[in-house]
Amino acid sequence: MASGFVGRPWHEVEQELQSAGIRYEKEITRPTRDFFKVDEKYLYVLRERQSPEGSLQFVLAARCTGVLPG
């Protein structure tokens, strides 16, 4: 199922899903190192798939805001 959600801001996607009454689950992925500064207020859809039960499952990532000085 390709819905065109990948790469879009989560707040937009979530509004669309809620208004359409679509069930969904979300998971937030984070960098394993703190080399890149991220702003978790700005989440984007990184991955999307449909579960066997029919709900959409999303992996979200925070926007990178630059490299930490080091």
N, C-alpha and C. Protein backbone atom coordinates (compact mmCIF):
# COMPACT_ATOMS: atom_id res chain seq x y z
N MET A 1 0.85 -1.19 0.00
CA MET A 1 0.00 0.00 0.00
C MET A 1 0.89 1.24 0.00
N ALA A 2 0.89 1.98 -1.03
CA ALA A 2 1.66 3.21 -1.11
C ALA A 2 0.71 4.39 -0.94
N SER A 3 0.87 5.09 0.16
CA SER A 3 -0.07 6.18 0.43
C SER A 3 0.56 7.56 0.29
N GLY A 4 1.86 7.62 0.11
CA GLY A 4 2.50 8.92 -0.06
C GLY A 4 2.80 9.64 1.25
N PHE A 5 2.87 8.91 2.36
CA PHE A 5 3.15 9.54 3.64
C PHE A 5 4.64 9.67 3.93
N VAL A 6 5.47 8.84 3.33
CA VAL A 6 6.91 8.84 3.62
C VAL A 6 7.53 10.18 3.21
N GLY A 7 8.32 10.73 4.12
CA GLY A 7 9.01 12.00 3.87
C GLY A 7 8.21 13.21 4.28
N ARG A 8 6.99 13.00 4.73
CA ARG A 8 6.14 14.14 5.10
C ARG A 8 6.19 14.40 6.60
N PRO A 9 5.91 15.64 7.01
CA PRO A 9 5.87 15.96 8.45
C PRO A 9 4.77 15.15 9.15
N TRP A 10 5.09 14.61 10.32
CA TRP A 10 4.16 13.75 11.04
C TRP A 10 2.88 14.49 11.43
N HIS A 11 2.97 15.75 11.81
CA HIS A 11 1.76 16.44 12.25
C HIS A 11 0.72 16.53 11.13
N GLU A 12 1.17 16.64 9.89
CA GLU A 12 0.24 16.66 8.75
C GLU A 12 -0.37 15.28 8.52
N VAL A 13 0.49 14.27 8.55
CA VAL A 13 0.03 12.90 8.31
C VAL A 13 -0.94 12.47 9.40
N GLU A 14 -0.62 12.77 10.64
CA GLU A 14 -1.48 12.38 11.76
C GLU A 14 -2.87 13.02 11.64
N GLN A 15 -2.92 14.27 11.24
CA GLN A 15 -4.22 14.94 11.05
C GLN A 15 -5.04 14.23 9.97
N GLU A 16 -4.39 13.87 8.87
CA GLU A 16 -5.09 13.17 7.79
C GLU A 16 -5.62 11.82 8.25
N LEU A 17 -4.80 11.08 8.97
CA LEU A 17 -5.21 9.76 9.46
C LEU A 17 -6.39 9.87 10.42
N GLN A 18 -6.31 10.82 11.34
CA GLN A 18 -7.39 10.99 12.31
C GLN A 18 -8.69 11.42 11.64
N SER A 19 -8.60 12.34 10.70
CA SER A 19 -9.82 12.81 10.04
C SER A 19 -10.44 11.72 9.16
N ALA A 20 -9.62 10.80 8.66
CA ALA A 20 -10.14 9.70 7.84
C ALA A 20 -10.51 8.47 8.69
N GLY A 21 -10.22 8.53 9.98
CA GLY A 21 -10.56 7.41 10.87
C GLY A 21 -9.70 6.18 10.64
N ILE A 22 -8.47 6.38 10.20
CA ILE A 22 -7.55 5.26 9.93
C ILE A 22 -6.76 4.93 11.19
N ARG A 23 -6.74 3.63 11.52
CA ARG A 23 -5.96 3.18 12.68
C ARG A 23 -4.48 3.18 12.34
N TYR A 24 -3.66 3.59 13.31
CA TYR A 24 -2.21 3.63 13.07
C TYR A 24 -1.44 3.43 14.36
N GLU A 25 -0.20 3.05 14.20
CA GLU A 25 0.76 2.94 15.30
C GLU A 25 2.00 3.69 14.88
N LYS A 26 2.70 4.24 15.86
CA LYS A 26 3.93 4.96 15.53
C LYS A 26 5.07 4.54 16.44
N GLU A 27 6.25 4.61 15.89
CA GLU A 27 7.49 4.33 16.62
C GLU A 27 8.47 5.42 16.24
N ILE A 28 9.17 5.96 17.22
CA ILE A 28 10.14 7.02 16.95
C ILE A 28 11.54 6.42 17.03
N THR A 29 12.31 6.62 15.98
CA THR A 29 13.69 6.15 15.97
C THR A 29 14.61 7.34 16.29
N ARG A 30 15.69 7.02 16.97
CA ARG A 30 16.65 8.07 17.36
C ARG A 30 18.05 7.65 16.96
N PRO A 31 18.92 8.63 16.70
CA PRO A 31 20.30 8.27 16.37
C PRO A 31 20.96 7.57 17.55
N THR A 32 21.87 6.65 17.24
CA THR A 32 22.57 5.94 18.31
C THR A 32 23.67 6.80 18.93
N ARG A 33 24.10 7.82 18.20
CA ARG A 33 25.12 8.75 18.71
C ARG A 33 24.52 10.15 18.74
N ASP A 34 25.13 11.02 19.52
CA ASP A 34 24.62 12.39 19.60
C ASP A 34 25.41 13.36 18.72
N PHE A 35 26.03 12.84 17.67
CA PHE A 35 26.83 13.68 16.77
C PHE A 35 25.96 14.70 16.04
N PHE A 36 24.77 14.24 15.63
CA PHE A 36 23.84 15.13 14.93
C PHE A 36 22.80 15.65 15.91
N LYS A 37 22.60 16.96 15.89
CA LYS A 37 21.58 17.58 16.71
C LYS A 37 20.23 17.33 16.05
N VAL A 38 19.24 16.91 16.83
CA VAL A 38 17.90 16.69 16.28
C VAL A 38 16.88 17.48 17.10
N ASP A 39 15.80 17.85 16.44
CA ASP A 39 14.71 18.56 17.09
C ASP A 39 13.49 17.65 17.07
N GLU A 40 13.19 17.03 18.20
CA GLU A 40 12.11 16.05 18.27
C GLU A 40 10.72 16.66 18.19
N LYS A 41 10.64 17.97 18.13
CA LYS A 41 9.34 18.61 17.90
C LYS A 41 8.93 18.49 16.44
N TYR A 42 9.89 18.23 15.57
CA TYR A 42 9.64 18.15 14.13
C TYR A 42 9.91 16.73 13.64
N LEU A 43 8.88 15.89 13.72
CA LEU A 43 9.01 14.50 13.30
C LEU A 43 8.56 14.33 11.85
N TYR A 44 9.25 13.44 11.16
CA TYR A 44 8.92 13.13 9.77
C TYR A 44 8.73 11.63 9.63
N VAL A 45 7.90 11.23 8.67
CA VAL A 45 7.66 9.81 8.41
C VAL A 45 8.86 9.25 7.64
N LEU A 46 9.48 8.26 8.24
CA LEU A 46 10.65 7.63 7.65
C LEU A 46 10.28 6.34 6.93
N ARG A 47 9.34 5.59 7.51
CA ARG A 47 8.95 4.30 6.95
C ARG A 47 7.47 4.08 7.24
N GLU A 48 6.83 3.34 6.34
CA GLU A 48 5.42 3.05 6.50
C GLU A 48 5.14 1.63 6.01
N ARG A 49 4.27 0.93 6.73
CA ARG A 49 3.82 -0.37 6.27
C ARG A 49 2.46 -0.67 6.87
N GLN A 50 1.78 -1.65 6.30
CA GLN A 50 0.47 -2.03 6.81
C GLN A 50 0.62 -3.33 7.58
N SER A 51 0.05 -3.37 8.78
CA SER A 51 0.12 -4.57 9.61
C SER A 51 -0.87 -5.61 9.08
N PRO A 52 -0.69 -6.87 9.47
CA PRO A 52 -1.65 -7.90 9.06
C PRO A 52 -3.08 -7.61 9.55
N GLU A 53 -3.19 -6.86 10.64
CA GLU A 53 -4.50 -6.50 11.18
C GLU A 53 -5.15 -5.35 10.41
N GLY A 54 -4.37 -4.70 9.55
CA GLY A 54 -4.93 -3.63 8.72
C GLY A 54 -4.56 -2.21 9.13
N SER A 55 -3.96 -2.04 10.31
CA SER A 55 -3.58 -0.68 10.71
C SER A 55 -2.26 -0.31 10.03
N LEU A 56 -2.01 0.98 9.92
CA LEU A 56 -0.76 1.45 9.35
C LEU A 56 0.27 1.59 10.46
N GLN A 57 1.49 1.23 10.17
CA GLN A 57 2.58 1.35 11.13
C GLN A 57 3.61 2.31 10.55
N PHE A 58 4.00 3.28 11.37
CA PHE A 58 4.94 4.30 10.92
C PHE A 58 6.18 4.32 11.79
N VAL A 59 7.32 4.55 11.16
CA VAL A 59 8.57 4.83 11.87
C VAL A 59 8.86 6.30 11.61
N LEU A 60 9.03 7.06 12.69
CA LEU A 60 9.25 8.50 12.61
C LEU A 60 10.66 8.84 13.04
N ALA A 61 11.19 9.90 12.47
CA ALA A 61 12.52 10.40 12.85
C ALA A 61 12.44 11.90 13.01
N ALA A 62 13.24 12.42 13.92
CA ALA A 62 13.29 13.86 14.14
C ALA A 62 14.15 14.53 13.08
N ARG A 63 13.82 15.76 12.80
CA ARG A 63 14.59 16.53 11.83
C ARG A 63 15.97 16.84 12.38
N CYS A 64 16.96 16.68 11.54
CA CYS A 64 18.34 17.01 11.91
C CYS A 64 18.52 18.52 11.78
N THR A 65 19.08 19.13 12.81
CA THR A 65 19.27 20.58 12.80
C THR A 65 20.73 20.97 12.67
N GLY A 66 21.59 20.01 12.43
CA GLY A 66 23.01 20.32 12.24
C GLY A 66 23.91 19.40 13.03
N VAL A 67 25.18 19.70 12.99
CA VAL A 67 26.18 18.90 13.69
C VAL A 67 26.55 19.64 14.96
N LEU A 68 26.65 18.89 16.04
CA LEU A 68 27.07 19.48 17.31
C LEU A 68 28.53 19.91 17.21
N PRO A 69 28.87 21.06 17.76
CA PRO A 69 30.27 21.47 17.74
C PRO A 69 31.11 20.50 18.56
N GLY A 70 32.26 20.22 18.09
CA GLY A 70 33.04 19.25 18.82
C GLY A 70 34.47 19.47 18.61
